[in-house]
Amino acid sequence: MNTIFEVSSKNYGDDLLLIKKTLSHMETLVGSYNGYSLSEPSSKFGWTFFKLSFNSNLRNGIEEKFADMLNKYKLNNQSQKFTQFIADYFQTKGCNVKIKMLD
């Protein structure tokens, strides 16, 4: 099952490039390819919104590779930990976006 995030950006062009580079690197680290997809963007009030979908192979690979980091988050469940990890990972790569997991 895919994990889907809603991503919000104020600088879509730059953030999109950083997200693609970051996820490409992440795929290489965990040995998963074609592990994510991006939807078409929509803009409102100066923000651009789009969906980012992870397939289960990429998510499982990330959770295994970075299990020690995920376990350090003091959150209620694995989905919240994964969401916060991805948001923090993007931040460390210079990508200033907001991320919310969709049900």
N, C-alpha and C. Protein backbone atom coordinates (compact mmCIF):
# COMPACT_ATOMS: atom_id res chain seq x y z
N MET A 1 0.84 -1.18 0.00
CA MET A 1 0.00 0.00 0.00
C MET A 1 0.89 1.24 0.00
N ASN A 2 0.50 2.22 -0.78
CA ASN A 2 1.27 3.45 -0.89
C ASN A 2 1.02 4.37 0.28
N THR A 3 2.05 5.12 0.65
CA THR A 3 1.95 6.17 1.65
C THR A 3 1.89 7.49 0.90
N ILE A 4 0.85 8.29 1.19
CA ILE A 4 0.64 9.52 0.44
C ILE A 4 0.72 10.72 1.38
N PHE A 5 1.52 11.70 0.97
CA PHE A 5 1.67 12.95 1.71
C PHE A 5 1.13 14.09 0.87
N GLU A 6 0.59 15.10 1.55
CA GLU A 6 0.32 16.37 0.90
C GLU A 6 1.49 17.28 1.24
N VAL A 7 2.11 17.83 0.23
CA VAL A 7 3.28 18.69 0.41
C VAL A 7 2.87 20.12 0.04
N SER A 8 3.25 21.07 0.90
CA SER A 8 2.96 22.48 0.68
C SER A 8 4.27 23.24 0.56
N SER A 9 4.37 24.06 -0.48
CA SER A 9 5.61 24.79 -0.75
C SER A 9 5.31 26.23 -1.13
N LYS A 10 6.17 27.13 -0.68
CA LYS A 10 6.08 28.53 -1.11
C LYS A 10 7.03 28.80 -2.27
N ASN A 11 7.93 27.86 -2.56
CA ASN A 11 8.91 28.02 -3.63
C ASN A 11 8.96 26.70 -4.41
N TYR A 12 7.90 26.44 -5.16
CA TYR A 12 7.68 25.15 -5.79
C TYR A 12 8.84 24.70 -6.67
N GLY A 13 9.34 25.54 -7.54
CA GLY A 13 10.40 25.15 -8.48
C GLY A 13 11.64 24.64 -7.77
N ASP A 14 12.13 25.42 -6.82
CA ASP A 14 13.33 25.02 -6.08
C ASP A 14 13.08 23.81 -5.20
N ASP A 15 11.93 23.82 -4.49
CA ASP A 15 11.62 22.69 -3.59
C ASP A 15 11.43 21.40 -4.36
N LEU A 16 10.79 21.47 -5.52
CA LEU A 16 10.58 20.27 -6.33
C LEU A 16 11.92 19.65 -6.74
N LEU A 17 12.84 20.48 -7.18
CA LEU A 17 14.17 19.99 -7.57
C LEU A 17 14.87 19.33 -6.38
N LEU A 18 14.82 19.98 -5.21
CA LEU A 18 15.45 19.41 -4.01
C LEU A 18 14.78 18.11 -3.59
N ILE A 19 13.46 18.03 -3.68
CA ILE A 19 12.75 16.80 -3.32
C ILE A 19 13.17 15.67 -4.26
N LYS A 20 13.21 15.94 -5.54
CA LYS A 20 13.61 14.90 -6.50
C LYS A 20 15.03 14.42 -6.26
N LYS A 21 15.96 15.35 -6.02
CA LYS A 21 17.35 14.96 -5.73
C LYS A 21 17.43 14.14 -4.45
N THR A 22 16.73 14.61 -3.42
CA THR A 22 16.76 13.95 -2.12
C THR A 22 16.19 12.54 -2.22
N LEU A 23 15.05 12.39 -2.89
CA LEU A 23 14.43 11.07 -2.99
C LEU A 23 15.23 10.14 -3.90
N SER A 24 15.85 10.68 -4.92
CA SER A 24 16.71 9.86 -5.77
C SER A 24 17.88 9.30 -4.95
N HIS A 25 18.46 10.15 -4.12
CA HIS A 25 19.54 9.71 -3.24
C HIS A 25 19.04 8.67 -2.24
N MET A 26 17.85 8.90 -1.69
CA MET A 26 17.26 7.97 -0.73
C MET A 26 17.01 6.62 -1.39
N GLU A 27 16.50 6.62 -2.62
CA GLU A 27 16.28 5.37 -3.34
C GLU A 27 17.58 4.59 -3.49
N THR A 28 18.65 5.29 -3.82
CA THR A 28 19.95 4.65 -3.97
C THR A 28 20.41 4.04 -2.64
N LEU A 29 20.23 4.79 -1.55
CA LEU A 29 20.65 4.30 -0.23
C LEU A 29 19.94 3.00 0.17
N VAL A 30 18.65 2.90 -0.15
CA VAL A 30 17.88 1.74 0.30
C VAL A 30 17.68 0.69 -0.79
N GLY A 31 18.19 0.95 -1.99
CA GLY A 31 18.10 -0.03 -3.07
C GLY A 31 16.70 -0.19 -3.64
N SER A 32 15.95 0.88 -3.69
CA SER A 32 14.59 0.86 -4.24
C SER A 32 14.54 1.87 -5.38
N TYR A 33 13.93 1.48 -6.48
CA TYR A 33 13.87 2.38 -7.63
C TYR A 33 12.43 2.57 -8.07
N ASN A 34 12.13 3.75 -8.61
CA ASN A 34 10.76 4.13 -8.96
C ASN A 34 9.86 3.99 -7.74
N GLY A 35 10.37 4.45 -6.60
CA GLY A 35 9.69 4.27 -5.33
C GLY A 35 8.76 5.39 -4.94
N TYR A 36 8.70 6.45 -5.75
CA TYR A 36 7.83 7.56 -5.40
C TYR A 36 7.22 8.16 -6.66
N SER A 37 6.13 8.90 -6.46
CA SER A 37 5.53 9.64 -7.57
C SER A 37 5.00 10.96 -7.04
N LEU A 38 4.90 11.93 -7.93
CA LEU A 38 4.44 13.28 -7.59
C LEU A 38 3.22 13.60 -8.43
N SER A 39 2.23 14.25 -7.82
CA SER A 39 1.04 14.66 -8.56
C SER A 39 1.27 16.03 -9.20
N GLU A 40 0.32 16.44 -10.01
CA GLU A 40 0.35 17.77 -10.58
C GLU A 40 0.09 18.79 -9.46
N PRO A 41 0.77 19.93 -9.49
CA PRO A 41 0.59 20.92 -8.43
C PRO A 41 -0.66 21.78 -8.63
N SER A 42 -1.13 22.33 -7.52
CA SER A 42 -2.17 23.36 -7.57
C SER A 42 -1.74 24.47 -6.62
N SER A 43 -2.09 25.70 -6.96
CA SER A 43 -1.65 26.85 -6.17
C SER A 43 -2.83 27.61 -5.57
N LYS A 44 -2.63 28.05 -4.30
CA LYS A 44 -3.61 28.87 -3.60
C LYS A 44 -2.88 29.73 -2.57
N PHE A 45 -3.24 31.00 -2.53
CA PHE A 45 -2.75 31.90 -1.48
C PHE A 45 -1.24 31.95 -1.36
N GLY A 46 -0.52 31.83 -2.46
CA GLY A 46 0.94 31.90 -2.44
C GLY A 46 1.62 30.56 -2.14
N TRP A 47 0.84 29.53 -1.91
CA TRP A 47 1.38 28.20 -1.65
C TRP A 47 1.09 27.30 -2.85
N THR A 48 1.96 26.33 -3.07
CA THR A 48 1.72 25.31 -4.08
C THR A 48 1.59 23.98 -3.36
N PHE A 49 0.56 23.23 -3.70
CA PHE A 49 0.26 21.95 -3.06
C PHE A 49 0.37 20.83 -4.08
N PHE A 50 0.93 19.72 -3.65
CA PHE A 50 0.98 18.53 -4.49
C PHE A 50 1.09 17.30 -3.60
N LYS A 51 0.80 16.16 -4.20
CA LYS A 51 0.87 14.91 -3.45
C LYS A 51 2.16 14.18 -3.79
N LEU A 52 2.75 13.58 -2.76
CA LEU A 52 3.95 12.78 -2.88
C LEU A 52 3.60 11.39 -2.37
N SER A 53 3.75 10.40 -3.22
CA SER A 53 3.38 9.03 -2.88
C SER A 53 4.62 8.14 -2.84
N PHE A 54 4.79 7.40 -1.74
CA PHE A 54 5.86 6.43 -1.59
C PHE A 54 5.27 5.04 -1.77
N ASN A 55 5.92 4.18 -2.58
CA ASN A 55 5.45 2.80 -2.61
C ASN A 55 5.97 2.07 -1.38
N SER A 56 5.43 0.91 -1.11
CA SER A 56 5.77 0.19 0.14
C SER A 56 7.24 -0.23 0.17
N ASN A 57 7.85 -0.53 -0.97
CA ASN A 57 9.26 -0.92 -0.98
C ASN A 57 10.16 0.21 -0.50
N LEU A 58 9.90 1.43 -0.98
CA LEU A 58 10.71 2.57 -0.56
C LEU A 58 10.47 2.88 0.91
N ARG A 59 9.22 2.90 1.33
CA ARG A 59 8.94 3.21 2.74
C ARG A 59 9.57 2.16 3.66
N ASN A 60 9.41 0.88 3.34
CA ASN A 60 10.00 -0.17 4.17
C ASN A 60 11.52 -0.07 4.20
N GLY A 61 12.13 0.25 3.06
CA GLY A 61 13.57 0.41 3.00
C GLY A 61 14.05 1.55 3.87
N ILE A 62 13.32 2.67 3.85
CA ILE A 62 13.67 3.83 4.68
C ILE A 62 13.51 3.46 6.15
N GLU A 63 12.41 2.80 6.49
CA GLU A 63 12.17 2.44 7.89
C GLU A 63 13.22 1.48 8.42
N GLU A 64 13.71 0.58 7.57
CA GLU A 64 14.77 -0.36 8.00
C GLU A 64 16.11 0.36 8.12
N LYS A 65 16.46 1.13 7.10
CA LYS A 65 17.77 1.80 7.06
C LYS A 65 17.91 2.84 8.18
N PHE A 66 16.82 3.54 8.49
CA PHE A 66 16.87 4.62 9.47
C PHE A 66 16.07 4.30 10.73
N ALA A 67 15.97 3.03 11.07
CA ALA A 67 15.17 2.61 12.24
C ALA A 67 15.63 3.29 13.51
N ASP A 68 16.94 3.42 13.71
CA ASP A 68 17.44 4.05 14.93
C ASP A 68 17.01 5.51 15.02
N MET A 69 16.99 6.23 13.91
CA MET A 69 16.56 7.62 13.91
C MET A 69 15.05 7.73 14.13
N LEU A 70 14.28 6.87 13.48
CA LEU A 70 12.84 6.89 13.63
C LEU A 70 12.43 6.61 15.07
N ASN A 71 13.13 5.71 15.73
CA ASN A 71 12.79 5.35 17.11
C ASN A 71 13.06 6.47 18.10
N LYS A 72 13.87 7.44 17.73
CA LYS A 72 14.16 8.57 18.63
C LYS A 72 13.02 9.57 18.70
N TYR A 73 12.12 9.55 17.73
CA TYR A 73 10.99 10.47 17.75
C TYR A 73 10.01 10.04 18.83
N LYS A 74 9.58 10.98 19.65
CA LYS A 74 8.64 10.72 20.74
C LYS A 74 7.21 10.96 20.25
N LEU A 75 6.80 10.18 19.27
CA LEU A 75 5.46 10.31 18.71
C LEU A 75 4.69 9.02 18.92
N ASN A 76 3.38 9.07 18.72
CA ASN A 76 2.50 7.96 19.08
C ASN A 76 2.62 6.72 18.21
N ASN A 77 2.80 6.90 16.91
CA ASN A 77 2.82 5.72 16.05
C ASN A 77 3.86 5.85 14.93
N GLN A 78 4.05 4.76 14.22
CA GLN A 78 5.08 4.69 13.19
C GLN A 78 4.80 5.65 12.04
N SER A 79 3.54 5.86 11.69
CA SER A 79 3.21 6.79 10.60
C SER A 79 3.60 8.22 10.95
N GLN A 80 3.34 8.63 12.20
CA GLN A 80 3.73 9.97 12.62
C GLN A 80 5.25 10.11 12.64
N LYS A 81 5.94 9.07 13.09
CA LYS A 81 7.40 9.10 13.11
C LYS A 81 7.96 9.20 11.69
N PHE A 82 7.38 8.42 10.77
CA PHE A 82 7.84 8.44 9.37
C PHE A 82 7.61 9.82 8.75
N THR A 83 6.44 10.40 9.00
CA THR A 83 6.13 11.73 8.47
C THR A 83 7.12 12.76 8.98
N GLN A 84 7.39 12.75 10.28
CA GLN A 84 8.31 13.72 10.87
C GLN A 84 9.74 13.50 10.35
N PHE A 85 10.12 12.24 10.19
CA PHE A 85 11.45 11.94 9.66
C PHE A 85 11.60 12.51 8.25
N ILE A 86 10.62 12.28 7.39
CA ILE A 86 10.69 12.78 6.00
C ILE A 86 10.74 14.31 6.01
N ALA A 87 9.91 14.95 6.83
CA ALA A 87 9.92 16.42 6.91
C ALA A 87 11.29 16.92 7.36
N ASP A 88 11.85 16.29 8.39
CA ASP A 88 13.16 16.70 8.89
C ASP A 88 14.25 16.42 7.86
N TYR A 89 14.15 15.30 7.16
CA TYR A 89 15.15 14.95 6.15
C TYR A 89 15.16 15.99 5.02
N PHE A 90 13.96 16.37 4.57
CA PHE A 90 13.88 17.41 3.54
C PHE A 90 14.48 18.73 4.05
N GLN A 91 14.20 19.08 5.29
CA GLN A 91 14.73 20.31 5.88
C GLN A 91 16.26 20.31 5.85
N THR A 92 16.87 19.18 6.21
CA THR A 92 18.34 19.11 6.23
C THR A 92 18.93 19.27 4.83
N LYS A 93 18.14 19.00 3.82
CA LYS A 93 18.60 19.14 2.44
C LYS A 93 18.27 20.51 1.86
N GLY A 94 17.74 21.42 2.70
CA GLY A 94 17.45 22.78 2.26
C GLY A 94 16.08 22.97 1.67
N CYS A 95 15.22 22.00 1.82
CA CYS A 95 13.89 22.04 1.25
C CYS A 95 12.90 22.48 2.34
N ASN A 96 12.34 23.67 2.18
CA ASN A 96 11.47 24.25 3.20
C ASN A 96 10.01 24.01 2.84
N VAL A 97 9.51 22.82 3.13
CA VAL A 97 8.13 22.46 2.81
C VAL A 97 7.42 21.98 4.08
N LYS A 98 6.10 21.99 4.02
CA LYS A 98 5.26 21.41 5.06
C LYS A 98 4.72 20.09 4.52
N ILE A 99 4.67 19.08 5.39
CA ILE A 99 4.25 17.75 4.95
C ILE A 99 3.18 17.23 5.89
N LYS A 100 2.13 16.65 5.28
CA LYS A 100 1.06 16.05 6.07
C LYS A 100 0.70 14.72 5.42
N MET A 101 0.63 13.65 6.23
CA MET A 101 0.24 12.35 5.70
C MET A 101 -1.28 12.34 5.49
N LEU A 102 -1.71 11.84 4.36
CA LEU A 102 -3.13 11.72 4.07
C LEU A 102 -3.58 10.30 4.43
N ASP A 103 -4.80 10.20 4.92
CA ASP A 103 -5.33 8.88 5.31
C ASP A 103 -5.80 8.10 4.10
